[in-house]
Amino acid sequence: MNSVRTWVTLAALLGASAVGCSSPDPDPKVALYTSVGWNDDPGTLDAIGYQVQVDIGWPDRATDCFALSPDLNVTVNDRAPKAIVAEGCRWDVLTTFDGFLKDEPITIQLKDGARLLAEATYNRPFPGFDMQLVSPADGTVRSGEKVAVALPEPTFERPVIGAMFYWRDPPPEGVPPFHSIVHTPGARASQPIEVTAPTLTGRAWLVVTAWPYSKSMFGADASSGFESCVITNPELLSGPVAVEVVP
């Protein structure tokens, strides 16, 4: 995700996307900007999957450097809390949560210690999960043979850039998680995509990328405590689906 995403600043969103959000009192106003995308360079096996990047900001702190609680933290679903440290007069803090591999809602909570300050839930944060495996039905494919997938609707006449196999089996000692890139010349997003399995073997997550790159922006499905809250996710990538490449 880090190499393909152009970040939209939280400042541009303040006041523009207050869907379903309310302002806390007496706590300072706080805004939420969330971005979701595939982690294209995971450092560990547990980091393979989608990333959820959470930007917490205090709009009024940009002009008035008021103190924040040292006990602020943010959580996403069952992930461990991450401390929020806004040094000096910094008015927003970005945190990243890795390894989302289930098509599930996400709930973001901002807390002061154990006290809940704000919360937002997004029911459909990972649109890429709509990609379906076409063949082979069980996902087991021989090296050099084809695996076919269907990209989610709506299907646009977009060229497919290629596919990536993110290897799930533990690599040899000293080798970080890695992926294999497979080109798909002439493939279109409106048709089932055939991908040639690489020479490497093992279990993998298969993802497909298409062009042009774009983002969708949504308000939260449920929220409280945030003055504004919005999520963006790219239409660039579909997947993953589980496959196993065999000799």
C-alpha atoms as a PDB file:
ATOM      1  CA  MET A   1       0.000   0.000   0.000  1.00  0.00           C
ATOM      2  CA  ASN A   2       2.816   2.402   0.846  1.00  0.00           C
ATOM      3  CA  SER A   3       4.080   2.624  -2.742  1.00  0.00           C
ATOM      4  CA  VAL A   4       0.721   2.975  -4.521  1.00  0.00           C
ATOM      5  CA  ARG A   5      -1.215   5.334  -2.327  1.00  0.00           C
ATOM      6  CA  THR A   6      -1.386   9.114  -2.634  1.00  0.00           C
ATOM      7  CA  TRP A   7      -2.500  10.364   0.738  1.00  0.00           C
ATOM      8  CA  VAL A   8      -5.329  12.839   1.079  1.00  0.00           C
ATOM      9  CA  THR A   9      -4.608  15.139   3.987  1.00  0.00           C
ATOM     10  CA  LEU A  10      -6.964  15.217   6.895  1.00  0.00           C
ATOM     11  CA  ALA A  11      -7.028  18.999   6.712  1.00  0.00           C
ATOM     12  CA  ALA A  12      -8.765  18.852   3.329  1.00  0.00           C
ATOM     13  CA  LEU A  13     -11.507  16.686   4.771  1.00  0.00           C
ATOM     14  CA  LEU A  14     -12.394  18.665   7.870  1.00  0.00           C
ATOM     15  CA  GLY A  15     -15.855  20.084   7.506  1.00  0.00           C
ATOM     16  CA  ALA A  16     -16.354  18.281   4.207  1.00  0.00           C
ATOM     17  CA  SER A  17     -17.320  14.833   5.502  1.00  0.00           C
ATOM     18  CA  ALA A  18     -19.137  14.946   8.797  1.00  0.00           C
ATOM     19  CA  VAL A  19     -21.420  12.068   7.878  1.00  0.00           C
ATOM     20  CA  GLY A  20     -23.000  10.547  10.966  1.00  0.00           C
ATOM     21  CA  CYS A  21     -20.599  12.259  13.367  1.00  0.00           C
ATOM     22  CA  SER A  22     -21.077  14.445  16.417  1.00  0.00           C
ATOM     23  CA  SER A  23     -18.787  16.707  18.421  1.00  0.00           C
ATOM     24  CA  PRO A  24     -17.624  15.688  21.908  1.00  0.00           C
ATOM     25  CA  ASP A  25     -18.043  17.986  24.894  1.00  0.00           C
ATOM     26  CA  PRO A  26     -16.121  19.005  27.001  1.00  0.00           C
ATOM     27  CA  ASP A  27     -13.272  17.245  25.183  1.00  0.00           C
ATOM     28  CA  PRO A  28     -11.646  19.127  22.282  1.00  0.00           C
ATOM     29  CA  LYS A  29     -13.004  18.551  18.800  1.00  0.00           C
ATOM     30  CA  VAL A  30     -11.427  15.549  17.150  1.00  0.00           C
ATOM     31  CA  ALA A  31     -11.534  14.404  13.527  1.00  0.00           C
ATOM     32  CA  LEU A  32     -10.949  10.990  11.998  1.00  0.00           C
ATOM     33  CA  TYR A  33      -9.547  10.148   8.577  1.00  0.00           C
ATOM     34  CA  THR A  34      -9.063   6.463   7.747  1.00  0.00           C
ATOM     35  CA  SER A  35      -7.424   4.960   4.676  1.00  0.00           C
ATOM     36  CA  VAL A  36      -7.460   1.282   3.732  1.00  0.00           C
ATOM     37  CA  GLY A  37      -5.246  -0.480   1.196  1.00  0.00           C
ATOM     38  CA  TRP A  38      -3.166  -3.577   0.607  1.00  0.00           C
ATOM     39  CA  ASN A  39       0.241  -3.689   2.316  1.00  0.00           C
ATOM     40  CA  ASP A  40       2.501  -4.236  -0.673  1.00  0.00           C
ATOM     41  CA  ASP A  41       5.693  -4.515   1.390  1.00  0.00           C
ATOM     42  CA  PRO A  42       4.987  -6.476   4.588  1.00  0.00           C
ATOM     43  CA  GLY A  43       7.893  -6.903   6.970  1.00  0.00           C
ATOM     44  CA  THR A  44       6.520 -10.023   8.675  1.00  0.00           C
ATOM     45  CA  LEU A  45       4.086 -12.809   7.837  1.00  0.00           C
ATOM     46  CA  ASP A  46       1.567 -11.283  10.251  1.00  0.00           C
ATOM     47  CA  ALA A  47       1.680  -8.007   8.306  1.00  0.00           C
ATOM     48  CA  ILE A  48       0.484  -9.584   5.050  1.00  0.00           C
ATOM     49  CA  GLY A  49      -2.976  -8.260   4.196  1.00  0.00           C
ATOM     50  CA  TYR A  50      -4.741  -4.936   4.208  1.00  0.00           C
ATOM     51  CA  GLN A  51      -3.497  -2.010   6.252  1.00  0.00           C
ATOM     52  CA  VAL A  52      -5.788   0.340   8.127  1.00  0.00           C
ATOM     53  CA  GLN A  53      -4.163   3.737   8.567  1.00  0.00           C
ATOM     54  CA  VAL A  54      -5.884   5.943  11.138  1.00  0.00           C
ATOM     55  CA  ASP A  55      -5.274   9.699  11.246  1.00  0.00           C
ATOM     56  CA  ILE A  56      -6.552  11.338  14.436  1.00  0.00           C
ATOM     57  CA  GLY A  57      -6.599  15.143  14.385  1.00  0.00           C
ATOM     58  CA  TRP A  58      -7.676  18.092  16.533  1.00  0.00           C
ATOM     59  CA  PRO A  59      -8.711  20.915  14.162  1.00  0.00           C
ATOM     60  CA  ASP A  60      -8.532  23.678  16.788  1.00  0.00           C
ATOM     61  CA  ARG A  61      -5.021  22.647  17.819  1.00  0.00           C
ATOM     62  CA  ALA A  62      -3.686  23.931  14.519  1.00  0.00           C
ATOM     63  CA  THR A  63      -4.156  27.482  15.831  1.00  0.00           C
ATOM     64  CA  ASP A  64      -4.226  26.934  19.600  1.00  0.00           C
ATOM     65  CA  CYS A  65      -1.583  24.639  21.101  1.00  0.00           C
ATOM     66  CA  PHE A  66      -3.592  23.156  23.956  1.00  0.00           C
ATOM     67  CA  ALA A  67      -2.358  20.131  25.902  1.00  0.00           C
ATOM     68  CA  LEU A  68      -3.545  16.592  25.174  1.00  0.00           C
ATOM     69  CA  SER A  69      -3.807  13.737  27.608  1.00  0.00           C
ATOM     70  CA  PRO A  70      -0.678  11.535  27.713  1.00  0.00           C
ATOM     71  CA  ASP A  71      -2.953   8.486  27.955  1.00  0.00           C
ATOM     72  CA  LEU A  72      -4.566   8.803  24.505  1.00  0.00           C
ATOM     73  CA  ASN A  73      -4.667   5.604  22.481  1.00  0.00           C
ATOM     74  CA  VAL A  74      -6.432   4.201  19.419  1.00  0.00           C
ATOM     75  CA  THR A  75      -7.615   0.676  18.610  1.00  0.00           C
ATOM     76  CA  VAL A  76      -9.001  -1.052  15.517  1.00  0.00           C
ATOM     77  CA  ASN A  77     -11.105  -4.124  16.294  1.00  0.00           C
ATOM     78  CA  ASP A  78      -9.028  -6.639  18.264  1.00  0.00           C
ATOM     79  CA  ARG A  79      -5.656  -5.067  17.477  1.00  0.00           C
ATOM     80  CA  ALA A  80      -3.556  -3.961  20.438  1.00  0.00           C
ATOM     81  CA  PRO A  81      -3.994  -0.285  21.377  1.00  0.00           C
ATOM     82  CA  LYS A  82      -1.450   2.150  20.007  1.00  0.00           C
ATOM     83  CA  ALA A  83      -0.455   5.218  21.990  1.00  0.00           C
ATOM     84  CA  ILE A  84      -1.080   8.626  20.447  1.00  0.00           C
ATOM     85  CA  VAL A  85       1.738  11.059  21.103  1.00  0.00           C
ATOM     86  CA  ALA A  86       1.255  14.509  19.574  1.00  0.00           C
ATOM     87  CA  GLU A  87       4.605  16.128  20.270  1.00  0.00           C
ATOM     88  CA  GLY A  88       4.788  19.901  20.628  1.00  0.00           C
ATOM     89  CA  CYS A  89       1.898  21.566  18.800  1.00  0.00           C
ATOM     90  CA  ARG A  90       1.355  18.731  16.368  1.00  0.00           C
ATOM     91  CA  TRP A  91      -2.344  18.627  15.534  1.00  0.00           C
ATOM     92  CA  ASP A  92      -2.701  15.128  14.072  1.00  0.00           C
ATOM     93  CA  VAL A  93      -1.186  11.660  14.570  1.00  0.00           C
ATOM     94  CA  LEU A  94      -1.102   8.769  12.085  1.00  0.00           C
ATOM     95  CA  THR A  95      -1.136   5.135  13.251  1.00  0.00           C
ATOM     96  CA  THR A  96      -1.062   1.960  11.145  1.00  0.00           C
ATOM     97  CA  PHE A  97      -2.639  -1.444  11.824  1.00  0.00           C
ATOM     98  CA  ASP A  98      -1.569  -4.416   9.676  1.00  0.00           C
ATOM     99  CA  GLY A  99      -2.717  -7.876   8.683  1.00  0.00           C
ATOM    100  CA  PHE A 100      -6.447  -7.626   7.887  1.00  0.00           C
ATOM    101  CA  LEU A 101      -7.396 -10.750   5.919  1.00  0.00           C
ATOM    102  CA  LYS A 102     -11.115 -11.081   6.663  1.00  0.00           C
ATOM    103  CA  ASP A 103     -14.019  -9.277   5.016  1.00  0.00           C
ATOM    104  CA  GLU A 104     -15.293  -7.693   8.206  1.00  0.00           C
ATOM    105  CA  PRO A 105     -16.432  -4.328   9.585  1.00  0.00           C
ATOM    106  CA  ILE A 106     -13.849  -2.268  11.422  1.00  0.00           C
ATOM    107  CA  THR A 107     -14.474  -0.218  14.549  1.00  0.00           C
ATOM    108  CA  ILE A 108     -12.015   2.507  15.481  1.00  0.00           C
ATOM    109  CA  GLN A 109     -11.949   3.707  19.073  1.00  0.00           C
ATOM    110  CA  LEU A 110     -10.168   6.709  20.534  1.00  0.00           C
ATOM    111  CA  LYS A 111      -9.633   6.437  24.287  1.00  0.00           C
ATOM    112  CA  ASP A 112      -8.112   8.395  27.126  1.00  0.00           C
ATOM    113  CA  GLY A 113      -6.783   5.517  29.181  1.00  0.00           C
ATOM    114  CA  ALA A 114      -9.855   3.312  29.560  1.00  0.00           C
ATOM    115  CA  ARG A 115     -12.356   6.134  28.870  1.00  0.00           C
ATOM    116  CA  LEU A 116     -13.926   6.032  25.413  1.00  0.00           C
ATOM    117  CA  LEU A 117     -13.809   9.443  23.713  1.00  0.00           C
ATOM    118  CA  ALA A 118     -14.954   8.623  20.188  1.00  0.00           C
ATOM    119  CA  GLU A 119     -15.847   5.659  18.017  1.00  0.00           C
ATOM    120  CA  ALA A 120     -16.578   4.997  14.342  1.00  0.00           C
ATOM    121  CA  THR A 121     -17.609   1.826  12.497  1.00  0.00           C
ATOM    122  CA  TYR A 122     -17.269   1.123   8.773  1.00  0.00           C
ATOM    123  CA  ASN A 123     -19.225  -1.883   7.549  1.00  0.00           C
ATOM    124  CA  ARG A 124     -17.560  -2.348   4.128  1.00  0.00           C
ATOM    125  CA  PRO A 125     -13.967  -1.158   4.421  1.00  0.00           C
ATOM    126  CA  PHE A 126     -12.373  -3.796   2.151  1.00  0.00           C
ATOM    127  CA  PRO A 127     -14.065  -3.818  -1.287  1.00  0.00           C
ATOM    128  CA  GLY A 128     -11.333  -5.963  -2.812  1.00  0.00           C
ATOM    129  CA  PHE A 129     -12.592  -9.028  -0.971  1.00  0.00           C
ATOM    130  CA  ASP A 130     -15.376  -9.316  -3.559  1.00  0.00           C
ATOM    131  CA  MET A 131     -12.928 -10.894  -6.001  1.00  0.00           C
ATOM    132  CA  GLN A 132     -13.931 -14.523  -6.580  1.00  0.00           C
ATOM    133  CA  LEU A 133     -11.895 -17.593  -7.456  1.00  0.00           C
ATOM    134  CA  VAL A 134     -13.181 -19.116 -10.732  1.00  0.00           C
ATOM    135  CA  SER A 135     -10.803 -22.037 -11.293  1.00  0.00           C
ATOM    136  CA  PRO A 136      -9.429 -24.325 -10.091  1.00  0.00           C
ATOM    137  CA  ALA A 137     -12.307 -24.585  -7.651  1.00  0.00           C
ATOM    138  CA  ASP A 138     -10.150 -25.636  -4.697  1.00  0.00           C
ATOM    139  CA  GLY A 139      -7.456 -23.028  -5.372  1.00  0.00           C
ATOM    140  CA  THR A 140      -4.734 -25.641  -5.959  1.00  0.00           C
ATOM    141  CA  VAL A 141      -2.839 -24.925  -9.184  1.00  0.00           C
ATOM    142  CA  ARG A 142       0.263 -26.456 -10.701  1.00  0.00           C
ATOM    143  CA  SER A 143       3.249 -24.244 -11.352  1.00  0.00           C
ATOM    144  CA  GLY A 144       3.018 -22.852 -14.896  1.00  0.00           C
ATOM    145  CA  GLU A 145      -0.727 -23.474 -15.170  1.00  0.00           C
ATOM    146  CA  LYS A 146      -3.556 -20.940 -14.958  1.00  0.00           C
ATOM    147  CA  VAL A 147      -5.633 -19.745 -12.034  1.00  0.00           C
ATOM    148  CA  ALA A 148      -8.695 -17.661 -12.952  1.00  0.00           C
ATOM    149  CA  VAL A 149     -10.412 -15.004 -10.833  1.00  0.00           C
ATOM    150  CA  ALA A 150     -13.344 -12.640 -11.383  1.00  0.00           C
ATOM    151  CA  LEU A 151     -12.976  -9.049 -10.202  1.00  0.00           C
ATOM    152  CA  PRO A 152     -15.775  -7.435  -8.194  1.00  0.00           C
ATOM    153  CA  GLU A 153     -18.573  -5.382  -9.714  1.00  0.00           C
ATOM    154  CA  PRO A 154     -18.848  -2.818 -11.111  1.00  0.00           C
ATOM    155  CA  THR A 155     -16.654  -4.101 -13.901  1.00  0.00           C
ATOM    156  CA  PHE A 156     -15.037  -1.311 -15.860  1.00  0.00           C
ATOM    157  CA  GLU A 157     -13.018  -1.697 -19.056  1.00  0.00           C
ATOM    158  CA  ARG A 158      -9.818  -1.171 -17.123  1.00  0.00           C
ATOM    159  CA  PRO A 159      -6.523  -2.797 -18.091  1.00  0.00           C
ATOM    160  CA  VAL A 160      -5.164  -5.193 -15.494  1.00  0.00           C
ATOM    161  CA  ILE A 161      -1.592  -4.384 -14.520  1.00  0.00           C
ATOM    162  CA  GLY A 162      -0.771  -7.774 -13.077  1.00  0.00           C
ATOM    163  CA  ALA A 163      -1.134 -10.150 -10.168  1.00  0.00           C
ATOM    164  CA  MET A 164       0.907 -10.765  -7.034  1.00  0.00           C
ATOM    165  CA  PHE A 165       1.378 -13.958  -5.053  1.00  0.00           C
ATOM    166  CA  TYR A 166       2.124 -13.170  -1.394  1.00  0.00           C
ATOM    167  CA  TRP A 167       3.662 -16.343   0.030  1.00  0.00           C
ATOM    168  CA  ARG A 168       2.075 -17.576   3.254  1.00  0.00           C
ATOM    169  CA  ASP A 169       4.438 -20.411   4.192  1.00  0.00           C
ATOM    170  CA  PRO A 170       7.368 -19.444   6.427  1.00  0.00           C
ATOM    171  CA  PRO A 171      10.345 -18.556   4.222  1.00  0.00           C
ATOM    172  CA  PRO A 172      13.902 -19.770   4.872  1.00  0.00           C
ATOM    173  CA  GLU A 173      15.613 -18.247   7.889  1.00  0.00           C
ATOM    174  CA  GLY A 174      16.784 -14.723   7.204  1.00  0.00           C
ATOM    175  CA  VAL A 175      14.476 -14.191   4.216  1.00  0.00           C
ATOM    176  CA  PRO A 176      11.670 -11.672   4.823  1.00  0.00           C
ATOM    177  CA  PRO A 177       8.132 -12.183   3.484  1.00  0.00           C
ATOM    178  CA  PHE A 178       8.125 -11.738  -0.245  1.00  0.00           C
ATOM    179  CA  HIS A 179       5.828 -11.829  -3.237  1.00  0.00           C
ATOM    180  CA  SER A 180       6.000 -12.882  -6.870  1.00  0.00           C
ATOM    181  CA  ILE A 181       4.699 -10.542  -9.594  1.00  0.00           C
ATOM    182  CA  VAL A 182       2.989 -12.062 -12.628  1.00  0.00           C
ATOM    183  CA  HIS A 183       2.139  -9.934 -15.686  1.00  0.00           C
ATOM    184  CA  THR A 184      -1.238 -10.365 -17.381  1.00  0.00           C
ATOM    185  CA  PRO A 185      -0.900  -8.835 -20.874  1.00  0.00           C
ATOM    186  CA  GLY A 186      -4.163  -7.802 -22.494  1.00  0.00           C
ATOM    187  CA  ALA A 187      -6.327  -8.697 -19.498  1.00  0.00           C
ATOM    188  CA  ARG A 188      -9.356  -6.490 -18.783  1.00  0.00           C
ATOM    189  CA  ALA A 189     -11.117  -5.993 -15.470  1.00  0.00           C
ATOM    190  CA  SER A 190     -14.508  -6.744 -17.057  1.00  0.00           C
ATOM    191  CA  GLN A 191     -13.547 -10.365 -17.781  1.00  0.00           C
ATOM    192  CA  PRO A 192     -12.231 -13.266 -15.689  1.00  0.00           C
ATOM    193  CA  ILE A 193      -8.501 -12.809 -15.215  1.00  0.00           C
ATOM    194  CA  GLU A 194      -6.182 -15.730 -15.943  1.00  0.00           C
ATOM    195  CA  VAL A 195      -2.913 -15.702 -14.024  1.00  0.00           C
ATOM    196  CA  THR A 196      -0.023 -18.083 -14.657  1.00  0.00           C
ATOM    197  CA  ALA A 197       1.202 -19.650 -11.431  1.00  0.00           C
ATOM    198  CA  PRO A 198       4.909 -18.911 -10.819  1.00  0.00           C
ATOM    199  CA  THR A 199       7.683 -21.469 -10.504  1.00  0.00           C
ATOM    200  CA  LEU A 200       7.769 -21.073  -6.720  1.00  0.00           C
ATOM    201  CA  THR A 201       5.457 -23.373  -4.804  1.00  0.00           C
ATOM    202  CA  GLY A 202       3.491 -23.131  -1.575  1.00  0.00           C
ATOM    203  CA  ARG A 203       0.453 -21.388  -0.127  1.00  0.00           C
ATOM    204  CA  ALA A 204      -0.124 -17.804  -1.159  1.00  0.00           C
ATOM    205  CA  TRP A 205      -2.569 -14.926  -1.152  1.00  0.00           C
ATOM    206  CA  LEU A 206      -3.344 -13.828  -4.721  1.00  0.00           C
ATOM    207  CA  VAL A 207      -4.190 -10.174  -5.421  1.00  0.00           C
ATOM    208  CA  VAL A 208      -4.849  -8.415  -8.738  1.00  0.00           C
ATOM    209  CA  THR A 209      -4.169  -4.779  -9.610  1.00  0.00           C
ATOM    210  CA  ALA A 210      -5.915  -2.739 -12.299  1.00  0.00           C
ATOM    211  CA  TRP A 211      -5.588   0.713 -13.846  1.00  0.00           C
ATOM    212  CA  PRO A 212      -6.514   3.552 -13.544  1.00  0.00           C
ATOM    213  CA  TYR A 213      -6.023   4.077  -9.858  1.00  0.00           C
ATOM    214  CA  SER A 214      -8.869   5.752  -7.997  1.00  0.00           C
ATOM    215  CA  LYS A 215     -10.293   5.993  -4.519  1.00  0.00           C
ATOM    216  CA  SER A 216     -13.754   5.825  -3.031  1.00  0.00           C
ATOM    217  CA  MET A 217     -14.660   7.950  -0.020  1.00  0.00           C
ATOM    218  CA  PHE A 218     -17.368   7.154   2.509  1.00  0.00           C
ATOM    219  CA  GLY A 219     -18.671   8.415   5.811  1.00  0.00           C
ATOM    220  CA  ALA A 220     -18.916   6.123   8.807  1.00  0.00           C
ATOM    221  CA  ASP A 221     -21.873   3.747   9.125  1.00  0.00           C
ATOM    222  CA  ALA A 222     -22.070   4.550  12.848  1.00  0.00           C
ATOM    223  CA  SER A 223     -20.111   7.016  14.943  1.00  0.00           C
ATOM    224  CA  SER A 224     -20.025   9.121  18.077  1.00  0.00           C
ATOM    225  CA  GLY A 225     -17.567  11.648  19.434  1.00  0.00           C
ATOM    226  CA  PHE A 226     -15.867  12.570  16.149  1.00  0.00           C
ATOM    227  CA  GLU A 227     -16.550  15.962  14.599  1.00  0.00           C
ATOM    228  CA  SER A 228     -15.875  14.474  11.168  1.00  0.00           C
ATOM    229  CA  CYS A 229     -15.050  10.967  10.013  1.00  0.00           C
ATOM    230  CA  VAL A 230     -14.393   9.507   6.595  1.00  0.00           C
ATOM    231  CA  ILE A 231     -12.720   6.468   5.045  1.00  0.00           C
ATOM    232  CA  THR A 232     -11.080   6.040   1.650  1.00  0.00           C
ATOM    233  CA  ASN A 233     -10.218   2.818  -0.083  1.00  0.00           C
ATOM    234  CA  PRO A 234      -8.685   2.212  -3.511  1.00  0.00           C
ATOM    235  CA  GLU A 235     -10.409   0.578  -6.450  1.00  0.00           C
ATOM    236  CA  LEU A 236      -6.949  -0.357  -7.683  1.00  0.00           C
ATOM    237  CA  LEU A 237      -6.683  -3.762  -6.066  1.00  0.00           C
ATOM    238  CA  SER A 238      -8.879  -6.854  -5.744  1.00  0.00           C
ATOM    239  CA  GLY A 239      -8.343  -9.818  -3.476  1.00  0.00           C
ATOM    240  CA  PRO A 240      -6.937 -11.657  -1.805  1.00  0.00           C
ATOM    241  CA  VAL A 241      -7.974 -15.211  -2.593  1.00  0.00           C
ATOM    242  CA  ALA A 242      -6.186 -18.192  -1.089  1.00  0.00           C
ATOM    243  CA  VAL A 243      -4.313 -20.408  -3.542  1.00  0.00           C
ATOM    244  CA  GLU A 244      -1.670 -23.117  -3.335  1.00  0.00           C
ATOM    245  CA  VAL A 245       0.915 -23.608  -6.041  1.00  0.00           C
ATOM    246  CA  VAL A 246       2.130 -27.211  -6.346  1.00  0.00           C
ATOM    247  CA  PRO A 247       4.901 -28.796  -8.486  1.00  0.00           C
END
